Amino acid sequence: MKLKNHIAVITLTLAASGLLVWSGPGENNSPTIEGVWQVTRGGVNCSDPDQALGSTFPAIMTFHRDGTVTGAGKSPVTGPFDTPEHGSWQREPGSQNYSFRELQYRYDATGTFLGPLVITANVELTSANSFIYSSTIQIIDPNGNVAATHCGRATATRFE
């Protein structure tokens, strides 16, 4: 009888471990920021984030599974010769909270390096296919000094 019980326990253990392998660690049905997003960005008053400054503009962002983020957008503070945005993202406390930090290099029409632009943002996934964020944008000169700080906010929808 003990042998039958041991065989039954071993069989159940193997079946359960097979199910765990079959479902895989990457299969999580809860919403995630991973993916490609169509973003609408705009400047806001840093002292009063409800006060919009200027018009909005489109951007594209991709949050990769490995924690990197890439993006592209042409704002009032960027130029036609600037690089795409590159950075990293992470999950923050709360059910659907994230943050990211991106770097973009700025150049003038002659190819002279004007310095980096750094975006730091706090993101809230508002549904499986939308998010909002508030951001701080630092314009840094070629010597590494912060030349200006701006604030922004954005809304996004998942590109499918």
Protein backbone atom coordinates (compact mmCIF):
# COMPACT_ATOMS: atom_id res chain seq x y z
CA MET A 1 0.00 0.00 0.00
CA LYS A 2 2.87 2.38 0.79
CA LEU A 3 4.34 1.80 -2.65
CA LYS A 4 1.02 2.77 -4.30
CA ASN A 5 0.88 5.96 -2.18
CA HIS A 6 4.46 6.88 -3.12
CA ILE A 7 3.74 6.28 -6.80
CA ALA A 8 0.58 8.41 -6.56
CA VAL A 9 2.48 11.26 -4.84
CA ILE A 10 5.30 11.13 -7.41
CA THR A 11 2.79 11.10 -10.28
CA LEU A 12 0.88 14.09 -8.86
CA THR A 13 4.14 15.98 -8.27
CA LEU A 14 5.31 15.40 -11.84
CA ALA A 15 1.91 16.43 -13.21
CA ALA A 16 1.90 19.62 -11.14
CA SER A 17 5.45 20.54 -12.17
CA GLY A 18 4.53 19.89 -15.79
CA LEU A 19 1.63 22.32 -15.49
CA LEU A 20 3.93 24.95 -14.00
CA VAL A 21 6.36 24.55 -16.89
CA TRP A 22 3.52 24.59 -19.41
CA SER A 23 2.09 27.88 -18.08
CA GLY A 24 5.55 29.46 -18.04
CA PRO A 25 6.76 32.29 -15.83
CA GLY A 26 6.12 34.94 -18.50
CA GLU A 27 2.40 34.23 -18.76
CA ASN A 28 0.83 36.74 -16.44
CA ASN A 29 -2.65 37.89 -17.33
CA SER A 30 -2.43 41.13 -15.34
CA PRO A 31 -1.90 44.30 -17.41
CA THR A 32 1.69 45.40 -17.95
CA ILE A 33 3.45 48.40 -19.43
CA GLU A 34 5.43 46.17 -21.79
CA GLY A 35 4.70 46.93 -25.43
CA VAL A 36 4.47 49.76 -27.95
CA TRP A 37 2.54 52.91 -27.04
CA GLN A 38 1.21 55.93 -28.91
CA VAL A 39 1.81 58.84 -26.56
CA THR A 40 0.48 62.39 -26.46
CA ARG A 41 2.89 64.63 -24.52
CA GLY A 42 2.56 68.19 -23.36
CA GLY A 43 4.28 70.70 -21.14
CA VAL A 44 2.81 71.83 -17.84
CA ASN A 45 3.66 74.50 -15.30
CA CYS A 46 5.96 72.86 -12.73
CA SER A 47 4.31 74.88 -9.92
CA ASP A 48 0.79 74.10 -11.15
CA PRO A 49 0.69 70.81 -13.14
CA ASP A 50 -2.97 71.46 -14.04
CA GLN A 51 -1.85 74.44 -16.15
CA ALA A 52 -0.90 73.24 -19.64
CA LEU A 53 1.86 75.10 -21.49
CA GLY A 54 1.78 75.14 -25.28
CA SER A 55 0.29 72.46 -27.47
CA THR A 56 0.61 68.70 -27.22
CA PHE A 57 2.71 66.57 -29.56
CA PRO A 58 2.87 62.86 -30.45
CA ALA A 59 5.57 60.40 -29.42
CA ILE A 60 6.13 56.65 -29.63
CA MET A 61 7.47 54.60 -26.71
CA THR A 62 8.38 50.93 -26.41
CA PHE A 63 8.75 49.32 -22.99
CA HIS A 64 10.78 46.16 -23.43
CA ARG A 65 10.49 43.12 -21.15
CA ASP A 66 14.16 43.48 -20.09
CA GLY A 67 13.49 46.84 -18.40
CA THR A 68 14.70 49.07 -21.23
CA VAL A 69 12.58 51.73 -22.90
CA THR A 70 12.99 53.47 -26.25
CA GLY A 71 11.09 56.41 -27.60
CA ALA A 72 10.90 59.11 -30.21
CA GLY A 73 9.12 62.44 -30.23
CA LYS A 74 9.76 65.96 -31.45
CA SER A 75 8.86 68.45 -28.75
CA PRO A 76 9.27 72.23 -28.59
CA VAL A 77 12.62 71.69 -26.79
CA THR A 78 14.03 69.11 -29.19
CA GLY A 79 15.37 69.60 -32.67
CA PRO A 80 15.39 67.72 -35.96
CA PHE A 81 18.90 66.34 -35.36
CA ASP A 82 18.31 64.85 -31.90
CA THR A 83 18.71 61.14 -31.22
CA PRO A 84 15.86 58.81 -30.24
CA GLU A 85 15.28 58.35 -26.51
CA HIS A 86 16.86 55.42 -24.66
CA GLY A 87 16.48 54.46 -21.02
CA SER A 88 15.17 52.07 -18.42
CA TRP A 89 11.89 51.45 -16.63
CA GLN A 90 10.86 49.69 -13.46
CA ARG A 91 7.78 48.69 -11.52
CA GLU A 92 6.97 50.89 -8.51
CA PRO A 93 4.87 50.19 -5.39
CA GLY A 94 1.16 49.95 -6.14
CA SER A 95 -0.75 47.71 -8.48
CA GLN A 96 -0.01 49.46 -11.79
CA ASN A 97 2.69 52.04 -11.07
CA TYR A 98 5.94 52.37 -12.99
CA SER A 99 8.74 54.85 -13.53
CA PHE A 100 11.18 55.46 -16.33
CA ARG A 101 14.21 57.57 -17.11
CA GLU A 102 15.27 58.31 -20.70
CA LEU A 103 18.24 60.00 -22.31
CA GLN A 104 18.30 61.83 -25.64
CA TYR A 105 21.25 63.68 -27.23
CA ARG A 106 20.63 67.07 -28.84
CA TYR A 107 22.55 68.43 -31.88
CA ASP A 108 22.28 71.59 -33.96
CA ALA A 109 22.16 71.73 -37.78
CA THR A 110 25.98 71.78 -38.01
CA GLY A 111 26.29 68.60 -35.94
CA THR A 112 27.51 70.39 -32.81
CA PHE A 113 26.58 68.51 -29.62
CA LEU A 114 24.23 70.69 -27.55
CA GLY A 115 23.99 68.31 -24.59
CA PRO A 116 21.59 65.67 -23.32
CA LEU A 117 17.92 65.89 -22.49
CA VAL A 118 16.81 63.64 -19.60
CA ILE A 119 13.17 62.69 -19.00
CA THR A 120 12.19 61.22 -15.62
CA ALA A 121 8.57 60.11 -15.20
CA ASN A 122 6.09 58.38 -12.91
CA VAL A 123 3.57 56.27 -14.80
CA GLU A 124 0.17 54.90 -13.86
CA LEU A 125 -1.34 52.19 -16.02
CA THR A 126 -5.01 53.25 -16.07
CA SER A 127 -6.20 50.16 -17.98
CA ALA A 128 -4.65 47.31 -19.92
CA ASN A 129 -4.37 49.64 -22.92
CA SER A 130 -3.78 53.12 -21.50
CA PHE A 131 -1.49 55.00 -19.15
CA ILE A 132 -0.78 58.51 -17.91
CA TYR A 133 2.45 59.99 -16.63
CA SER A 134 3.92 63.13 -15.13
CA SER A 135 7.51 64.00 -15.95
CA THR A 136 10.46 66.24 -15.32
CA ILE A 137 12.59 67.18 -18.32
CA GLN A 138 16.13 68.40 -17.78
CA ILE A 139 18.00 70.21 -20.55
CA ILE A 140 21.71 69.74 -19.85
CA ASP A 141 24.51 71.67 -21.53
CA PRO A 142 27.55 69.95 -23.12
CA ASN A 143 29.52 70.47 -19.88
CA GLY A 144 26.97 68.53 -17.81
CA ASN A 145 25.25 71.53 -16.18
CA VAL A 146 21.45 71.67 -15.96
CA ALA A 147 20.49 74.59 -18.21
CA ALA A 148 16.70 74.31 -17.76
CA THR A 149 14.08 72.14 -16.12
CA HIS A 150 10.59 71.64 -17.55
CA CYS A 151 7.61 69.57 -16.46
CA GLY A 152 5.22 67.53 -18.56
CA ARG A 153 2.42 65.04 -18.62
CA ALA A 154 1.27 62.48 -21.11
CA THR A 155 -1.49 60.07 -22.00
CA ALA A 156 -0.93 56.91 -24.00
CA THR A 157 -2.75 54.11 -25.74
CA ARG A 158 -1.34 50.73 -26.58
CA PHE A 159 -0.45 50.17 -30.24
CA GLU A 160 -1.80 46.79 -31.34
